[in-house]
Amino acid sequence: MPFLMTREEAVPLKEAARRSGLSVDTIRRLHKRHGIGRQMAPRSPIEVSFLALLMLQHGDLAALELLRNGQRENERVSRYLALM
């Protein structure tokens, strides 16, 4: 299932790396492992959900699953929305 994200939270890999303090390679691995982004076609740029990345940085897989299921109003997810 694709990971749905708003325009505001979708960021290119380099921007996600700059904002998170992680390397581009680390974010690429997180994208592959947890499916936190999108890529329209092979070799096209990858955009990741900065919101999902924050959740992973905090080890909050429960919040990530809620986000994946579209439960943005859930308190566990809205905590991270406030950080953006």
Protein backbone atom coordinates (compact mmCIF):
# COMPACT_ATOMS: atom_id res chain seq x y z
CA MET A 1 0.00 0.00 0.00
CA PRO A 2 1.45 3.43 -0.88
CA PHE A 3 2.36 5.80 1.91
CA LEU A 4 0.07 8.83 1.60
CA MET A 5 1.48 12.18 2.66
CA THR A 6 0.58 15.83 2.41
CA ARG A 7 2.58 18.29 0.33
CA GLU A 8 3.91 19.92 3.46
CA GLU A 9 5.40 16.72 4.86
CA ALA A 10 6.80 15.33 1.59
CA VAL A 11 10.46 16.31 1.34
CA PRO A 12 13.32 15.25 -0.96
CA LEU A 13 16.02 13.02 0.55
CA LYS A 14 18.59 15.81 0.86
CA GLU A 15 16.13 18.11 2.63
CA ALA A 16 15.09 15.30 4.98
CA ALA A 17 18.77 14.65 5.76
CA ARG A 18 19.44 18.32 6.46
CA ARG A 19 16.40 18.70 8.72
CA SER A 20 16.85 15.42 10.61
CA GLY A 21 20.62 15.31 10.98
CA LEU A 22 20.69 11.85 9.37
CA SER A 23 22.58 10.93 6.22
CA VAL A 24 20.88 10.58 2.85
CA ASP A 25 21.92 6.90 2.82
CA THR A 26 20.30 6.30 6.21
CA ILE A 27 17.06 7.91 5.09
CA ARG A 28 17.13 5.89 1.87
CA ARG A 29 17.48 2.70 3.96
CA LEU A 30 14.61 3.77 6.25
CA HIS A 31 12.50 4.45 3.17
CA LYS A 32 13.18 0.95 1.83
CA ARG A 33 12.67 -0.77 5.19
CA HIS A 34 9.60 1.13 6.42
CA GLY A 35 8.09 2.46 3.19
CA ILE A 36 7.98 6.08 4.39
CA GLY A 37 8.21 7.69 0.98
CA ARG A 38 7.31 7.63 -2.64
CA GLN A 39 9.08 7.41 -5.95
CA MET A 40 7.05 7.91 -9.12
CA ALA A 41 9.29 5.75 -11.32
CA PRO A 42 12.68 4.05 -11.14
CA ARG A 43 15.48 6.65 -11.08
CA SER A 44 13.06 9.46 -10.24
CA PRO A 45 13.62 11.46 -7.03
CA ILE A 46 12.49 9.94 -3.75
CA GLU A 47 10.37 12.04 -1.40
CA VAL A 48 9.88 10.92 2.18
CA SER A 49 7.34 11.86 4.80
CA PHE A 50 9.20 14.02 7.27
CA LEU A 51 6.43 13.25 9.74
CA ALA A 52 7.09 9.51 9.42
CA LEU A 53 10.83 10.13 9.69
CA LEU A 54 10.31 11.96 13.00
CA MET A 55 8.34 8.99 14.28
CA LEU A 56 11.14 6.61 13.32
CA GLN A 57 13.74 8.84 14.97
CA HIS A 58 11.75 8.56 18.18
CA GLY A 59 11.25 4.81 17.77
CA ASP A 60 7.48 5.27 17.71
CA LEU A 61 6.39 2.48 15.37
CA ALA A 62 2.87 2.56 16.80
CA ALA A 63 2.46 6.18 15.67
CA LEU A 64 3.89 5.27 12.27
CA GLU A 65 1.30 2.53 11.87
CA LEU A 66 -1.49 4.92 12.85
CA LEU A 67 -0.22 7.43 10.28
CA ARG A 68 -0.02 4.72 7.64
CA ASN A 69 -3.67 3.89 8.37
CA GLY A 70 -4.72 7.53 7.95
CA GLN A 71 -5.42 8.21 11.63
CA ARG A 72 -3.93 11.71 11.68
CA GLU A 73 -6.36 12.89 14.36
CA ASN A 74 -5.06 10.30 16.82
CA GLU A 75 -3.21 11.96 19.71
CA ARG A 76 -0.15 9.81 19.12
CA VAL A 77 0.13 11.15 15.55
CA SER A 78 -0.88 14.74 16.27
CA ARG A 79 2.05 15.09 18.70
CA TYR A 80 4.38 14.81 15.71
CA LEU A 81 2.28 17.12 13.53
CA ALA A 82 2.94 19.82 16.13
CA LEU A 83 6.70 19.40 15.57
CA MET A 84 6.44 20.23 11.89
